[in-house]
Amino acid sequence: MSAEWLEELVWSDVRRFLKNPGAILERLREQHDAADDAREFEARRKELTKRLAAKQAEKDRYVRAYAQGHISEEELDAYLAELKKRIDNLRFLLASVEAELSEKQERKTLTDTTQAWLSSLGRRLDEVEEDTSEGFEKRKQLVGLLVESISLGRSQQEGDRTEVQITYRFGPPPDSASESDGLSMPYFKNGSWS
């Protein structure tokens, strides 16, 4: 297998991907939209906050009733113990809803960042395609950032023809990625695009 042929094939695929990242961006948007029930979670958070405030007010009523002599200390202890369990449960539910809302916002931000990053790279393709050693190094860095793996094999169905599969990644950039050149990628849960 000619390394030059393989390099050209991989770069050609990366170039095509960067010029039209629509398919991966559409998949990111679909994932975001499928999970975009933030209004429902926002309503749930509001309802839980309201219920928590009501339980706090209930606690104040029990303490007032005890101070006025309407209930005994034993009754107060029993009411407060039960109320504490309910308040703890509401706080747990509220924390869970807030964590979900935060995750949804993070996913939305990630989708927007990935879209901007890919668009920026697409606009800078001329810069990395220059026939210079600097252009070659930038192409090499881009391939290192975007390509998870390259698999070579023989196609049994097409007369023993060479088959190449390029898997793209969206994850933390390798340690060697440079922040200053604008090529480093945003974080995305590892996935692949073949």
N, C-alpha and C. Protein backbone atom coordinates (compact mmCIF):
# COMPACT_ATOMS: atom_id res chain seq x y z
N MET A 1 0.86 -1.18 0.00
CA MET A 1 0.00 0.00 0.00
C MET A 1 0.89 1.24 0.00
N SER A 2 0.67 2.10 -0.92
CA SER A 2 1.45 3.32 -1.03
C SER A 2 1.01 4.32 0.04
N ALA A 3 1.98 4.77 0.85
CA ALA A 3 1.67 5.74 1.91
C ALA A 3 1.18 7.04 1.31
N GLU A 4 1.76 7.43 0.20
CA GLU A 4 1.34 8.68 -0.46
C GLU A 4 -0.12 8.59 -0.91
N TRP A 5 -0.50 7.44 -1.50
CA TRP A 5 -1.87 7.23 -1.93
C TRP A 5 -2.83 7.29 -0.74
N LEU A 6 -2.45 6.64 0.36
CA LEU A 6 -3.30 6.61 1.56
C LEU A 6 -3.42 8.01 2.17
N GLU A 7 -2.30 8.74 2.24
CA GLU A 7 -2.33 10.10 2.78
C GLU A 7 -3.28 10.97 1.96
N GLU A 8 -3.19 10.87 0.64
CA GLU A 8 -4.05 11.67 -0.24
C GLU A 8 -5.51 11.29 -0.07
N LEU A 9 -5.79 10.00 0.06
CA LEU A 9 -7.16 9.53 0.26
C LEU A 9 -7.73 10.06 1.58
N VAL A 10 -6.94 9.96 2.64
CA VAL A 10 -7.40 10.43 3.96
C VAL A 10 -7.61 11.94 3.93
N TRP A 11 -6.64 12.68 3.37
CA TRP A 11 -6.80 14.13 3.32
C TRP A 11 -8.01 14.53 2.47
N SER A 12 -8.21 13.83 1.38
CA SER A 12 -9.37 14.11 0.53
C SER A 12 -10.67 13.92 1.31
N ASP A 13 -10.75 12.86 2.11
CA ASP A 13 -11.94 12.61 2.91
C ASP A 13 -12.11 13.67 3.99
N VAL A 14 -11.01 14.05 4.66
CA VAL A 14 -11.07 15.09 5.70
C VAL A 14 -11.51 16.41 5.07
N ARG A 15 -10.95 16.75 3.91
CA ARG A 15 -11.32 17.99 3.22
C ARG A 15 -12.82 17.99 2.90
N ARG A 16 -13.31 16.87 2.35
CA ARG A 16 -14.74 16.75 2.02
C ARG A 16 -15.58 16.92 3.28
N PHE A 17 -15.14 16.30 4.36
CA PHE A 17 -15.87 16.40 5.63
C PHE A 17 -15.90 17.84 6.14
N LEU A 18 -14.76 18.53 6.09
CA LEU A 18 -14.70 19.91 6.59
C LEU A 18 -15.48 20.89 5.71
N LYS A 19 -15.52 20.62 4.42
CA LYS A 19 -16.28 21.50 3.53
C LYS A 19 -17.78 21.32 3.73
N ASN A 20 -18.18 20.12 4.14
CA ASN A 20 -19.60 19.86 4.34
C ASN A 20 -19.80 18.97 5.57
N PRO A 21 -19.70 19.56 6.76
CA PRO A 21 -19.89 18.77 7.98
C PRO A 21 -21.36 18.63 8.35
N GLY A 22 -22.24 18.91 7.41
CA GLY A 22 -23.67 18.94 7.68
C GLY A 22 -24.21 17.67 8.32
N ALA A 23 -23.75 16.51 7.86
CA ALA A 23 -24.29 15.25 8.39
C ALA A 23 -23.99 15.10 9.88
N ILE A 24 -22.76 15.37 10.29
CA ILE A 24 -22.42 15.23 11.71
C ILE A 24 -23.11 16.31 12.53
N LEU A 25 -23.21 17.51 11.99
CA LEU A 25 -23.90 18.58 12.72
C LEU A 25 -25.37 18.25 12.87
N GLU A 26 -25.95 17.65 11.84
CA GLU A 26 -27.36 17.25 11.92
C GLU A 26 -27.54 16.18 13.00
N ARG A 27 -26.62 15.24 13.08
CA ARG A 27 -26.70 14.22 14.13
C ARG A 27 -26.58 14.84 15.51
N LEU A 28 -25.69 15.82 15.66
CA LEU A 28 -25.56 16.50 16.95
C LEU A 28 -26.85 17.24 17.30
N ARG A 29 -27.43 17.92 16.32
CA ARG A 29 -28.68 18.64 16.56
C ARG A 29 -29.81 17.67 16.92
N GLU A 30 -29.87 16.54 16.23
CA GLU A 30 -30.90 15.54 16.53
C GLU A 30 -30.76 15.03 17.96
N GLN A 31 -29.53 14.76 18.38
CA GLN A 31 -29.30 14.31 19.75
C GLN A 31 -29.74 15.39 20.72
N HIS A 32 -29.40 16.63 20.40
CA HIS A 32 -29.77 17.75 21.27
C HIS A 32 -31.29 17.92 21.31
N ASP A 33 -31.93 17.87 20.13
CA ASP A 33 -33.38 18.06 20.06
C ASP A 33 -34.13 16.91 20.73
N ALA A 34 -33.64 15.69 20.56
CA ALA A 34 -34.30 14.54 21.17
C ALA A 34 -34.28 14.65 22.69
N ALA A 35 -33.25 15.26 23.21
CA ALA A 35 -33.15 15.39 24.66
C ALA A 35 -33.58 16.77 25.14
N ASP A 36 -34.14 17.58 24.23
CA ASP A 36 -34.44 18.97 24.58
C ASP A 36 -35.83 19.11 25.19
N ASP A 37 -35.98 18.59 26.39
CA ASP A 37 -37.22 18.78 27.12
C ASP A 37 -36.94 19.66 28.33
N ALA A 38 -36.14 20.69 28.09
CA ALA A 38 -35.73 21.59 29.17
C ALA A 38 -36.93 22.30 29.80
N ARG A 39 -37.94 22.62 29.00
CA ARG A 39 -39.11 23.30 29.57
C ARG A 39 -39.79 22.41 30.60
N GLU A 40 -39.87 21.14 30.30
CA GLU A 40 -40.47 20.19 31.25
C GLU A 40 -39.65 20.13 32.54
N PHE A 41 -38.34 20.10 32.40
CA PHE A 41 -37.48 20.07 33.58
C PHE A 41 -37.55 21.39 34.35
N GLU A 42 -37.65 22.49 33.61
CA GLU A 42 -37.77 23.81 34.25
C GLU A 42 -39.06 23.88 35.06
N ALA A 43 -40.15 23.37 34.51
CA ALA A 43 -41.43 23.34 35.23
C ALA A 43 -41.33 22.44 36.45
N ARG A 44 -40.65 21.33 36.29
CA ARG A 44 -40.46 20.40 37.42
C ARG A 44 -39.64 21.07 38.52
N ARG A 45 -38.58 21.80 38.15
CA ARG A 45 -37.76 22.48 39.14
C ARG A 45 -38.59 23.52 39.89
N LYS A 46 -39.41 24.26 39.16
CA LYS A 46 -40.26 25.28 39.77
C LYS A 46 -41.23 24.65 40.77
N GLU A 47 -41.83 23.53 40.35
CA GLU A 47 -42.79 22.84 41.22
C GLU A 47 -42.10 22.30 42.48
N LEU A 48 -40.92 21.71 42.32
CA LEU A 48 -40.18 21.17 43.47
C LEU A 48 -39.74 22.29 44.42
N THR A 49 -39.33 23.40 43.86
CA THR A 49 -38.93 24.55 44.68
C THR A 49 -40.11 25.06 45.50
N LYS A 50 -41.27 25.11 44.86
CA LYS A 50 -42.49 25.55 45.53
C LYS A 50 -42.85 24.57 46.66
N ARG A 51 -42.78 23.27 46.39
CA ARG A 51 -43.09 22.26 47.41
C ARG A 51 -42.10 22.31 48.56
N LEU A 52 -40.83 22.56 48.26
CA LEU A 52 -39.82 22.68 49.30
C LEU A 52 -40.11 23.87 50.21
N ALA A 53 -40.47 24.99 49.61
CA ALA A 53 -40.82 26.18 50.40
C ALA A 53 -42.04 25.90 51.27
N ALA A 54 -43.02 25.15 50.74
CA ALA A 54 -44.22 24.81 51.52
C ALA A 54 -43.84 23.93 52.71
N LYS A 55 -42.92 23.01 52.51
CA LYS A 55 -42.48 22.14 53.63
C LYS A 55 -41.75 22.94 54.69
N GLN A 56 -40.97 23.93 54.27
CA GLN A 56 -40.28 24.80 55.24
C GLN A 56 -41.31 25.58 56.06
N ALA A 57 -42.34 26.07 55.37
CA ALA A 57 -43.41 26.80 56.07
C ALA A 57 -44.15 25.87 57.02
N GLU A 58 -44.34 24.62 56.63
CA GLU A 58 -45.00 23.63 57.49
C GLU A 58 -44.17 23.40 58.76
N LYS A 59 -42.87 23.36 58.60
CA LYS A 59 -41.98 23.19 59.76
C LYS A 59 -42.17 24.37 60.72
N ASP A 60 -42.23 25.57 60.18
CA ASP A 60 -42.43 26.76 61.02
C ASP A 60 -43.77 26.67 61.77
N ARG A 61 -44.81 26.16 61.10
CA ARG A 61 -46.12 26.03 61.75
C ARG A 61 -46.06 25.04 62.92
N TYR A 62 -45.35 23.92 62.74
CA TYR A 62 -45.22 22.94 63.83
C TYR A 62 -44.49 23.55 65.03
N VAL A 63 -43.44 24.27 64.75
CA VAL A 63 -42.67 24.89 65.84
C VAL A 63 -43.55 25.92 66.56
N ARG A 64 -44.32 26.70 65.80
CA ARG A 64 -45.22 27.69 66.40
C ARG A 64 -46.30 26.99 67.24
N ALA A 65 -46.84 25.89 66.71
CA ALA A 65 -47.88 25.14 67.44
C ALA A 65 -47.31 24.60 68.75
N TYR A 66 -46.07 24.14 68.72
CA TYR A 66 -45.43 23.65 69.95
C TYR A 66 -45.21 24.81 70.93
N ALA A 67 -44.73 25.94 70.41
CA ALA A 67 -44.46 27.10 71.28
C ALA A 67 -45.74 27.62 71.92
N GLN A 68 -46.85 27.46 71.24
CA GLN A 68 -48.14 27.93 71.79
C GLN A 68 -48.81 26.86 72.64
N GLY A 69 -48.16 25.68 72.75
CA GLY A 69 -48.70 24.63 73.61
C GLY A 69 -49.78 23.79 72.97
N HIS A 70 -49.95 23.85 71.64
CA HIS A 70 -50.97 23.08 70.95
C HIS A 70 -50.56 21.63 70.71
N ILE A 71 -49.23 21.37 70.65
CA ILE A 71 -48.75 19.99 70.49
C ILE A 71 -47.63 19.75 71.50
N SER A 72 -47.44 18.48 71.83
CA SER A 72 -46.41 18.12 72.81
C SER A 72 -45.04 18.06 72.13
N GLU A 73 -44.00 17.95 72.95
CA GLU A 73 -42.64 17.85 72.42
C GLU A 73 -42.48 16.56 71.62
N GLU A 74 -43.09 15.47 72.08
CA GLU A 74 -43.02 14.19 71.37
C GLU A 74 -43.69 14.30 69.99
N GLU A 75 -44.85 14.98 69.98
CA GLU A 75 -45.55 15.16 68.70
C GLU A 75 -44.69 16.02 67.76
N LEU A 76 -44.11 17.07 68.31
CA LEU A 76 -43.24 17.93 67.51
C LEU A 76 -42.09 17.13 66.92
N ASP A 77 -41.43 16.32 67.75
CA ASP A 77 -40.31 15.51 67.27
C ASP A 77 -40.75 14.57 66.15
N ALA A 78 -41.89 13.93 66.31
CA ALA A 78 -42.40 13.00 65.29
C ALA A 78 -42.72 13.75 63.99
N TYR A 79 -43.39 14.91 64.09
CA TYR A 79 -43.72 15.70 62.90
C TYR A 79 -42.44 16.17 62.19
N LEU A 80 -41.49 16.67 62.99
CA LEU A 80 -40.26 17.19 62.39
C LEU A 80 -39.42 16.09 61.75
N ALA A 81 -39.39 14.89 62.37
CA ALA A 81 -38.63 13.77 61.79
C ALA A 81 -39.23 13.38 60.43
N GLU A 82 -40.56 13.29 60.38
CA GLU A 82 -41.22 12.95 59.12
C GLU A 82 -41.02 14.05 58.08
N LEU A 83 -41.12 15.28 58.53
CA LEU A 83 -40.94 16.42 57.64
C LEU A 83 -39.51 16.47 57.09
N LYS A 84 -38.53 16.14 57.92
CA LYS A 84 -37.13 16.13 57.49
C LYS A 84 -36.94 15.13 56.35
N LYS A 85 -37.56 13.97 56.46
CA LYS A 85 -37.45 12.97 55.38
C LYS A 85 -38.03 13.52 54.08
N ARG A 86 -39.17 14.17 54.19
CA ARG A 86 -39.80 14.72 52.98
C ARG A 86 -38.96 15.85 52.37
N ILE A 87 -38.43 16.70 53.23
CA ILE A 87 -37.58 17.81 52.75
C ILE A 87 -36.32 17.26 52.10
N ASP A 88 -35.69 16.27 52.73
CA ASP A 88 -34.48 15.66 52.14
C ASP A 88 -34.79 15.05 50.78
N ASN A 89 -35.93 14.39 50.65
CA ASN A 89 -36.34 13.78 49.38
C ASN A 89 -36.56 14.86 48.32
N LEU A 90 -37.23 15.94 48.70
CA LEU A 90 -37.45 17.04 47.75
C LEU A 90 -36.13 17.67 47.32
N ARG A 91 -35.21 17.84 48.25
CA ARG A 91 -33.89 18.41 47.90
C ARG A 91 -33.14 17.49 46.94
N PHE A 92 -33.24 16.19 47.18
CA PHE A 92 -32.60 15.22 46.29
C PHE A 92 -33.20 15.32 44.89
N LEU A 93 -34.52 15.34 44.80
CA LEU A 93 -35.19 15.45 43.50
C LEU A 93 -34.83 16.76 42.79
N LEU A 94 -34.79 17.84 43.56
CA LEU A 94 -34.44 19.14 43.00
C LEU A 94 -33.01 19.15 42.47
N ALA A 95 -32.09 18.56 43.22
CA ALA A 95 -30.69 18.48 42.77
C ALA A 95 -30.59 17.66 41.48
N SER A 96 -31.37 16.60 41.38
CA SER A 96 -31.37 15.75 40.20
C SER A 96 -31.87 16.53 38.98
N VAL A 97 -32.95 17.27 39.15
CA VAL A 97 -33.50 18.07 38.06
C VAL A 97 -32.51 19.16 37.64
N GLU A 98 -31.88 19.81 38.60
CA GLU A 98 -30.91 20.86 38.28
C GLU A 98 -29.70 20.29 37.55
N ALA A 99 -29.27 19.08 37.94
CA ALA A 99 -28.15 18.43 37.24
C ALA A 99 -28.54 18.12 35.79
N GLU A 100 -29.76 17.66 35.58
CA GLU A 100 -30.24 17.35 34.23
C GLU A 100 -30.31 18.62 33.38
N LEU A 101 -30.81 19.69 33.96
CA LEU A 101 -30.87 20.97 33.23
C LEU A 101 -29.47 21.45 32.87
N SER A 102 -28.54 21.32 33.78
CA SER A 102 -27.17 21.73 33.54
C SER A 102 -26.55 20.91 32.41
N GLU A 103 -26.80 19.61 32.41
CA GLU A 103 -26.28 18.73 31.37
C GLU A 103 -26.86 19.10 30.01
N LYS A 104 -28.14 19.42 29.97
CA LYS A 104 -28.78 19.81 28.71
C LYS A 104 -28.17 21.10 28.17
N GLN A 105 -27.91 22.04 29.06
CA GLN A 105 -27.30 23.30 28.65
C GLN A 105 -25.87 23.05 28.13
N GLU A 106 -25.17 22.16 28.80
CA GLU A 106 -23.81 21.81 28.38
C GLU A 106 -23.83 21.19 26.98
N ARG A 107 -24.79 20.28 26.72
CA ARG A 107 -24.91 19.64 25.41
C ARG A 107 -25.21 20.68 24.33
N LYS A 108 -26.09 21.62 24.65
CA LYS A 108 -26.42 22.66 23.67
C LYS A 108 -25.20 23.51 23.36
N THR A 109 -24.47 23.90 24.39
CA THR A 109 -23.26 24.69 24.21
C THR A 109 -22.25 23.92 23.38
N LEU A 110 -22.12 22.63 23.66
CA LEU A 110 -21.18 21.79 22.92
C LEU A 110 -21.55 21.70 21.45
N THR A 111 -22.83 21.54 21.16
CA THR A 111 -23.28 21.49 19.78
C THR A 111 -22.95 22.79 19.06
N ASP A 112 -23.23 23.91 19.71
CA ASP A 112 -22.93 25.22 19.11
C ASP A 112 -21.43 25.40 18.90
N THR A 113 -20.63 24.99 19.90
CA THR A 113 -19.17 25.13 19.81
C THR A 113 -18.62 24.26 18.69
N THR A 114 -19.11 23.03 18.60
CA THR A 114 -18.64 22.12 17.55
C THR A 114 -18.97 22.67 16.18
N GLN A 115 -20.17 23.20 16.03
CA GLN A 115 -20.57 23.78 14.75
C GLN A 115 -19.66 24.95 14.38
N ALA A 116 -19.39 25.83 15.32
CA ALA A 116 -18.53 26.98 15.05
C ALA A 116 -17.11 26.53 14.73
N TRP A 117 -16.63 25.53 15.47
CA TRP A 117 -15.27 25.03 15.26
C TRP A 117 -15.12 24.41 13.87
N LEU A 118 -16.08 23.56 13.48
CA LEU A 118 -16.01 22.92 12.16
C LEU A 118 -16.14 23.95 11.04
N SER A 119 -17.00 24.94 11.23
CA SER A 119 -17.15 26.00 10.22
C SER A 119 -15.85 26.78 10.07
N SER A 120 -15.22 27.08 11.20
CA SER A 120 -13.95 27.80 11.19
C SER A 120 -12.88 27.00 10.45
N LEU A 121 -12.81 25.71 10.73
CA LEU A 121 -11.82 24.87 10.05
C LEU A 121 -12.11 24.82 8.55
N GLY A 122 -13.38 24.72 8.20
CA GLY A 122 -13.75 24.68 6.78
C GLY A 122 -13.32 25.95 6.05
N ARG A 123 -13.46 27.10 6.73
CA ARG A 123 -13.06 28.38 6.12
C ARG A 123 -11.54 28.49 5.98
N ARG A 124 -10.80 27.76 6.81
CA ARG A 124 -9.33 27.86 6.80
C ARG A 124 -8.67 26.78 5.95
N LEU A 125 -9.43 26.04 5.18
CA LEU A 125 -8.85 24.95 4.39
C LEU A 125 -7.76 25.43 3.43
N ASP A 126 -7.97 26.59 2.79
CA ASP A 126 -6.95 27.09 1.86
C ASP A 126 -5.61 27.24 2.56
N GLU A 127 -5.65 27.69 3.78
CA GLU A 127 -4.44 27.92 4.57
C GLU A 127 -3.65 26.62 4.78
N VAL A 128 -4.37 25.53 5.05
CA VAL A 128 -3.66 24.27 5.32
C VAL A 128 -3.35 23.49 4.05
N GLU A 129 -3.93 23.88 2.94
CA GLU A 129 -3.66 23.16 1.69
C GLU A 129 -2.50 23.76 0.90
N GLU A 130 -1.85 24.77 1.45
CA GLU A 130 -0.68 25.33 0.78
C GLU A 130 0.37 24.25 0.62
N ASP A 131 1.10 24.28 -0.47
CA ASP A 131 2.13 23.28 -0.74
C ASP A 131 3.44 23.69 -0.08
N THR A 132 3.38 23.79 1.24
CA THR A 132 4.56 24.15 2.03
C THR A 132 4.69 23.15 3.17
N SER A 133 5.85 23.17 3.81
CA SER A 133 6.03 22.26 4.95
C SER A 133 5.09 22.66 6.09
N GLU A 134 4.83 23.96 6.23
CA GLU A 134 3.90 24.42 7.27
C GLU A 134 2.48 23.93 6.97
N GLY A 135 2.08 24.01 5.70
CA GLY A 135 0.77 23.51 5.29
C GLY A 135 0.65 22.02 5.54
N PHE A 136 1.72 21.27 5.21
CA PHE A 136 1.71 19.83 5.45
C PHE A 136 1.57 19.52 6.94
N GLU A 137 2.29 20.26 7.78
CA GLU A 137 2.21 20.04 9.23
C GLU A 137 0.80 20.33 9.76
N LYS A 138 0.18 21.38 9.23
CA LYS A 138 -1.19 21.71 9.66
C LYS A 138 -2.18 20.63 9.22
N ARG A 139 -2.00 20.12 7.99
CA ARG A 139 -2.86 19.02 7.53
C ARG A 139 -2.68 17.80 8.43
N LYS A 140 -1.45 17.52 8.74
CA LYS A 140 -1.14 16.37 9.61
C LYS A 140 -1.79 16.56 10.99
N GLN A 141 -1.73 17.77 11.51
CA GLN A 141 -2.34 18.06 12.82
C GLN A 141 -3.86 17.92 12.74
N LEU A 142 -4.46 18.42 11.67
CA LEU A 142 -5.91 18.30 11.51
C LEU A 142 -6.34 16.84 11.43
N VAL A 143 -5.61 16.06 10.67
CA VAL A 143 -5.93 14.63 10.58
C VAL A 143 -5.81 13.99 11.96
N GLY A 144 -4.77 14.36 12.71
CA GLY A 144 -4.59 13.82 14.07
C GLY A 144 -5.73 14.20 15.00
N LEU A 145 -6.28 15.39 14.82
CA LEU A 145 -7.39 15.84 15.66
C LEU A 145 -8.71 15.17 15.28
N LEU A 146 -8.94 15.01 13.98
CA LEU A 146 -10.24 14.55 13.52
C LEU A 146 -10.37 13.04 13.33
N VAL A 147 -9.28 12.38 13.00
CA VAL A 147 -9.36 10.96 12.63
C VAL A 147 -9.02 10.08 13.82
N GLU A 148 -9.98 9.26 14.19
CA GLU A 148 -9.79 8.28 15.27
C GLU A 148 -8.98 7.09 14.78
N SER A 149 -9.38 6.58 13.61
CA SER A 149 -8.66 5.41 13.08
C SER A 149 -8.88 5.30 11.58
N ILE A 150 -7.96 4.57 10.97
CA ILE A 150 -8.05 4.26 9.55
C ILE A 150 -7.89 2.74 9.45
N SER A 151 -8.89 2.10 8.86
CA SER A 151 -8.85 0.65 8.71
C SER A 151 -8.74 0.29 7.23
N LEU A 152 -7.82 -0.61 6.96
CA LEU A 152 -7.63 -1.10 5.59
C LEU A 152 -8.01 -2.56 5.56
N GLY A 153 -8.63 -2.96 4.46
CA GLY A 153 -9.00 -4.36 4.30
C GLY A 153 -9.28 -4.66 2.86
N ARG A 154 -9.62 -5.89 2.61
CA ARG A 154 -9.97 -6.33 1.26
C ARG A 154 -11.45 -6.58 1.21
N SER A 155 -12.11 -6.04 0.19
CA SER A 155 -13.54 -6.25 -0.01
C SER A 155 -13.76 -7.58 -0.70
N GLN A 156 -14.44 -8.48 -0.02
CA GLN A 156 -14.73 -9.80 -0.59
C GLN A 156 -15.74 -9.69 -1.73
N GLN A 157 -16.60 -8.70 -1.65
CA GLN A 157 -17.68 -8.57 -2.62
C GLN A 157 -17.24 -7.92 -3.93
N GLU A 158 -16.18 -7.17 -3.88
CA GLU A 158 -15.78 -6.41 -5.08
C GLU A 158 -14.42 -6.86 -5.62
N GLY A 159 -14.24 -8.14 -5.71
CA GLY A 159 -13.04 -8.66 -6.35
C GLY A 159 -11.76 -8.34 -5.64
N ASP A 160 -11.72 -8.50 -4.35
CA ASP A 160 -10.50 -8.31 -3.55
C ASP A 160 -9.95 -6.88 -3.64
N ARG A 161 -10.86 -5.92 -3.79
CA ARG A 161 -10.50 -4.51 -3.88
C ARG A 161 -10.14 -3.97 -2.50
N THR A 162 -9.19 -3.04 -2.42
CA THR A 162 -8.82 -2.44 -1.13
C THR A 162 -9.95 -1.56 -0.63
N GLU A 163 -10.28 -1.75 0.63
CA GLU A 163 -11.36 -0.99 1.26
C GLU A 163 -10.74 -0.18 2.41
N VAL A 164 -11.06 1.10 2.46
CA VAL A 164 -10.53 1.98 3.50
C VAL A 164 -11.71 2.57 4.27
N GLN A 165 -11.64 2.46 5.59
CA GLN A 165 -12.67 3.06 6.42
C GLN A 165 -12.00 4.07 7.35
N ILE A 166 -12.51 5.30 7.32
CA ILE A 166 -11.98 6.38 8.16
C ILE A 166 -13.02 6.69 9.22
N THR A 167 -12.60 6.59 10.47
CA THR A 167 -13.51 6.87 11.59
C THR A 167 -13.10 8.19 12.22
N TYR A 168 -14.04 9.13 12.27
CA TYR A 168 -13.78 10.45 12.85
C TYR A 168 -14.08 10.43 14.34
N ARG A 169 -13.45 11.33 15.05
CA ARG A 169 -13.70 11.42 16.49
C ARG A 169 -13.97 12.86 16.87
N PHE A 170 -14.72 12.97 17.94
CA PHE A 170 -14.94 14.26 18.56
C PHE A 170 -14.70 14.02 20.04
N GLY A 171 -13.55 14.40 20.50
CA GLY A 171 -13.18 14.18 21.89
C GLY A 171 -12.08 15.13 22.27
N PRO A 172 -11.53 14.93 23.46
CA PRO A 172 -10.44 15.82 23.88
C PRO A 172 -9.28 15.70 22.89
N PRO A 173 -8.68 16.82 22.53
CA PRO A 173 -7.58 16.75 21.59
C PRO A 173 -6.37 16.08 22.24
N PRO A 174 -5.51 15.47 21.42
CA PRO A 174 -4.29 14.91 21.97
C PRO A 174 -3.47 16.00 22.64
N ASP A 175 -2.60 15.61 23.55
CA ASP A 175 -1.77 16.58 24.28
C ASP A 175 -0.94 17.45 23.36
N SER A 176 -0.62 16.94 22.18
CA SER A 176 0.24 17.69 21.28
C SER A 176 -0.49 18.81 20.54
N ALA A 177 -1.82 18.87 20.66
CA ALA A 177 -2.58 19.91 19.95
C ALA A 177 -2.24 21.27 20.52
N SER A 178 -2.10 22.21 19.62
CA SER A 178 -1.74 23.57 20.03
C SER A 178 -2.97 24.46 20.07
N GLU A 179 -3.16 25.13 21.19
CA GLU A 179 -4.30 26.05 21.34
C GLU A 179 -4.11 27.29 20.48
N SER A 180 -2.87 27.70 20.28
CA SER A 180 -2.62 29.00 19.67
C SER A 180 -2.93 29.04 18.17
N ASP A 181 -2.98 27.91 17.50
CA ASP A 181 -3.20 27.96 16.06
C ASP A 181 -4.66 27.85 15.68
N GLY A 182 -5.56 27.75 16.66
CA GLY A 182 -6.99 27.71 16.38
C GLY A 182 -7.48 26.37 15.85
N LEU A 183 -6.63 25.34 15.90
CA LEU A 183 -7.04 24.05 15.38
C LEU A 183 -7.57 23.12 16.45
N SER A 184 -7.34 23.42 17.73
CA SER A 184 -7.76 22.48 18.76
C SER A 184 -9.28 22.36 18.78
N MET A 185 -9.75 21.17 19.13
CA MET A 185 -11.17 20.88 19.00
C MET A 185 -11.91 21.01 20.32
N PRO A 186 -13.20 21.28 20.25
CA PRO A 186 -14.01 21.32 21.47
C PRO A 186 -14.23 19.90 21.97
N TYR A 187 -14.53 19.75 23.24
CA TYR A 187 -14.77 18.43 23.83
C TYR A 187 -16.13 17.92 23.41
N PHE A 188 -16.19 16.65 23.07
CA PHE A 188 -17.47 15.98 22.77
C PHE A 188 -17.29 14.55 23.18
N LYS A 189 -18.34 13.96 23.74
CA LYS A 189 -18.26 12.56 24.13
C LYS A 189 -17.82 11.76 22.91
N ASN A 190 -16.87 10.87 23.12
CA ASN A 190 -16.32 10.13 21.98
C ASN A 190 -17.40 9.41 21.19
N GLY A 191 -17.32 9.56 19.92
CA GLY A 191 -18.23 8.91 19.01
C GLY A 191 -17.49 8.75 17.70
N SER A 192 -18.08 8.15 16.75
CA SER A 192 -17.36 8.02 15.49
C SER A 192 -18.29 8.27 14.33
N TRP A 193 -17.68 8.61 13.25
CA TRP A 193 -18.38 8.87 12.00
C TRP A 193 -17.59 8.17 10.93
N SER A 194 -18.19 7.23 10.25
CA SER A 194 -17.44 6.47 9.25
C SER A 194 -17.80 6.93 7.85
